[in-house]
């Protein structure tokens, strides 16, 4: 498996009969990627790992998330996970919609503004100094990362014979 070892470890712990608990005071340290290409490679690997984990731990399941509403069906004939709430899928939907609506060309730009505003709000809440321009750059990076994860899920879907989007 290329990624997802933390989830894999927790799943094996639970299968062995031990509990996995959330500790609010817990701190995780991780290294941020130093270049755009390494961010994309890591994100692609995450998506590919999602498909591998779906293959390894889910048998006969259909999972779907749309607008924060999870749907689950078990038993199911295959292994399917569709997550339509990620930033890239929302943006692609708005680009597609803009083709059919006369005023729709504004939708992707408005969503970009929304993402930049969300970044700015979260940064201020965490007391991290982020300027207006930098919030747009960070929103663009969020879209790139989200798209790379989706591409990794597509690749993993073919590799592991599951449907993970």
Protein backbone atom coordinates (compact mmCIF):
# COMPACT_ATOMS: atom_id res chain seq x y z
CA UNK A 1 0.00 0.00 0.00
CA UNK A 2 1.30 3.46 -0.88
CA UNK A 3 -0.40 5.51 1.82
CA UNK A 4 -2.93 5.23 4.61
CA UNK A 5 -0.76 3.32 7.04
CA UNK A 6 -2.28 5.17 10.01
CA UNK A 7 -5.79 4.04 9.05
CA UNK A 8 -4.49 0.55 8.30
CA UNK A 9 -2.85 0.37 11.74
CA UNK A 10 -6.05 1.52 13.51
CA UNK A 11 -8.15 -0.98 11.55
CA UNK A 12 -5.82 -3.82 12.56
CA UNK A 13 -5.92 -2.69 16.21
CA UNK A 14 -9.75 -2.71 16.17
CA UNK A 15 -9.85 -6.09 14.41
CA UNK A 16 -7.68 -7.45 17.24
CA UNK A 17 -10.35 -6.32 19.71
CA UNK A 18 -8.68 -3.22 21.11
CA UNK A 19 -10.36 0.19 21.19
CA UNK A 20 -9.16 3.22 19.23
CA UNK A 21 -9.95 6.47 20.98
CA UNK A 22 -9.79 10.16 20.13
CA UNK A 23 -7.63 12.20 22.46
CA UNK A 24 -8.48 15.88 22.21
CA UNK A 25 -5.13 17.01 23.60
CA UNK A 26 -3.19 14.79 21.21
CA UNK A 27 -0.69 16.46 18.91
CA UNK A 28 0.46 15.12 15.57
CA UNK A 29 3.58 16.51 13.97
CA UNK A 30 4.05 16.16 10.26
CA UNK A 31 6.31 17.62 7.62
CA UNK A 32 4.82 19.95 5.05
CA UNK A 33 5.95 19.38 1.51
CA UNK A 34 8.44 21.95 0.23
CA UNK A 35 7.43 22.05 -3.42
CA UNK A 36 4.29 21.88 -5.51
CA UNK A 37 5.41 18.68 -7.22
CA UNK A 38 6.01 16.91 -3.89
CA UNK A 39 2.59 18.08 -2.62
CA UNK A 40 0.94 16.68 -5.75
CA UNK A 41 2.82 13.36 -5.49
CA UNK A 42 1.89 12.99 -1.80
CA UNK A 43 -1.77 13.84 -2.45
CA UNK A 44 -1.92 11.41 -5.38
CA UNK A 45 -0.48 8.73 -3.09
CA UNK A 46 -3.16 9.50 -0.46
CA UNK A 47 -5.90 8.98 -3.05
CA UNK A 48 -4.33 5.76 -4.26
CA UNK A 49 -4.11 4.60 -0.64
CA UNK A 50 -7.84 5.31 -0.15
CA UNK A 51 -8.62 2.81 -2.90
CA UNK A 52 -6.22 0.24 -1.38
CA UNK A 53 -7.86 0.59 2.02
CA UNK A 54 -11.32 0.23 0.46
CA UNK A 55 -10.15 -3.01 -1.14
CA UNK A 56 -8.55 -4.31 2.05
CA UNK A 57 -11.21 -3.48 4.64
CA UNK A 58 -14.57 -3.04 2.94
CA UNK A 59 -16.39 -5.97 1.43
CA UNK A 60 -19.74 -5.45 -0.20
CA UNK A 61 -20.26 -1.79 0.67
CA UNK A 62 -21.55 1.34 -1.05
CA UNK A 63 -20.52 4.61 0.64
CA UNK A 64 -21.49 8.02 -0.72
CA UNK A 65 -21.10 11.55 0.65
CA UNK A 66 -22.97 14.41 -0.98
CA UNK A 67 -23.24 17.82 0.69
CA UNK A 68 -22.23 16.42 4.06
CA UNK A 69 -24.88 13.69 4.00
CA UNK A 70 -23.31 10.24 4.23
CA UNK A 71 -25.14 7.29 2.71
CA UNK A 72 -24.18 3.68 3.35
CA UNK A 73 -25.56 0.44 1.94
CA UNK A 74 -24.42 -2.96 3.11
CA UNK A 75 -24.42 -5.63 1.81
CA UNK A 76 -23.64 -4.44 -1.70
CA UNK A 77 -22.33 -6.23 -4.77
CA UNK A 78 -19.01 -4.35 -4.91
CA UNK A 79 -16.71 -1.95 -3.10
CA UNK A 80 -17.74 1.64 -3.84
CA UNK A 81 -16.86 4.94 -2.16
CA UNK A 82 -17.98 8.18 -3.79
CA UNK A 83 -17.10 11.41 -2.01
CA UNK A 84 -18.65 14.35 -3.82
CA UNK A 85 -17.91 17.00 -1.19
CA UNK A 86 -14.25 17.67 -2.00
CA UNK A 87 -13.23 21.08 -3.35
CA UNK A 88 -12.17 19.85 -6.79
CA UNK A 89 -15.44 18.03 -7.45
CA UNK A 90 -17.45 21.09 -6.41
CA UNK A 91 -15.37 23.26 -8.75
CA UNK A 92 -15.72 20.80 -11.65
CA UNK A 93 -19.48 20.69 -11.10
CA UNK A 94 -19.65 24.50 -11.20
CA UNK A 95 -17.52 24.64 -14.37
CA UNK A 96 -19.83 22.06 -15.96
CA UNK A 97 -22.89 24.01 -14.81
CA UNK A 98 -21.45 27.24 -16.21
CA UNK A 99 -21.60 25.71 -19.70
CA UNK A 100 -25.38 25.43 -19.51
CA UNK A 101 -26.32 28.58 -17.62
CA UNK A 102 -26.05 31.99 -19.23
CA UNK A 103 -24.81 33.57 -16.00
CA UNK A 104 -23.02 30.42 -14.87
CA UNK A 105 -19.53 31.59 -15.84
CA UNK A 106 -19.52 33.47 -12.53
CA UNK A 107 -19.97 30.34 -10.42
CA UNK A 108 -16.36 29.03 -10.46
CA UNK A 109 -15.04 32.51 -9.63
CA UNK A 110 -17.52 32.86 -6.78
CA UNK A 111 -16.52 29.47 -5.41
CA UNK A 112 -12.86 30.51 -5.61
CA UNK A 113 -13.72 33.62 -3.59
CA UNK A 114 -15.59 31.46 -1.11
CA UNK A 115 -12.58 29.14 -0.69
CA UNK A 116 -10.20 32.09 -0.24
CA UNK A 117 -12.56 33.58 2.36
CA UNK A 118 -12.74 30.25 4.18
CA UNK A 119 -8.94 30.05 4.26
CA UNK A 120 -8.73 33.60 5.61
CA UNK A 121 -11.36 32.91 8.28
CA UNK A 122 -9.69 29.68 9.44
CA UNK A 123 -6.26 31.34 9.52
CA UNK A 124 -7.57 34.20 11.62
CA UNK A 125 -9.25 31.74 13.99
CA UNK A 126 -5.90 29.99 14.42
CA UNK A 127 -4.13 33.36 14.78
CA UNK A 128 -2.03 32.73 11.67
CA UNK A 129 -1.19 35.88 9.69
CA UNK A 130 -2.47 35.33 6.15
CA UNK A 131 -2.97 38.21 3.76
CA UNK A 132 -5.69 38.59 1.18
CA UNK A 133 -3.52 37.52 -1.78
CA UNK A 134 -2.03 34.59 0.13
CA UNK A 135 -5.53 33.30 0.92
CA UNK A 136 -6.15 32.97 -2.86
CA UNK A 137 -2.87 31.12 -3.32
CA UNK A 138 -3.77 28.76 -0.48
CA UNK A 139 -7.26 28.21 -1.96
CA UNK A 140 -5.65 27.35 -5.32
CA UNK A 141 -3.29 24.91 -3.56
CA UNK A 142 -6.31 23.33 -1.85
CA UNK A 143 -7.89 22.75 -5.27
CA UNK A 144 -4.65 21.30 -6.67
CA UNK A 145 -4.27 18.97 -3.68
CA UNK A 146 -7.91 17.89 -3.86
CA UNK A 147 -7.64 17.19 -7.59
CA UNK A 148 -4.45 15.15 -7.07
CA UNK A 149 -6.21 13.05 -4.42
CA UNK A 150 -9.09 12.42 -6.84
CA UNK A 151 -6.66 11.38 -9.60
CA UNK A 152 -4.97 9.01 -7.13
CA UNK A 153 -8.37 7.51 -6.27
CA UNK A 154 -9.06 6.96 -9.97
CA UNK A 155 -5.68 5.26 -10.41
CA UNK A 156 -6.21 3.17 -7.28
CA UNK A 157 -9.70 2.23 -8.46
CA UNK A 158 -8.22 0.59 -11.56
CA UNK A 159 -5.33 -0.93 -9.67
CA UNK A 160 -7.38 -2.42 -6.79
CA UNK A 161 -10.58 -3.10 -8.77
CA UNK A 162 -12.82 -0.92 -6.63
CA UNK A 163 -14.68 2.33 -7.29
CA UNK A 164 -13.15 5.07 -5.17
CA UNK A 165 -13.86 8.64 -6.26
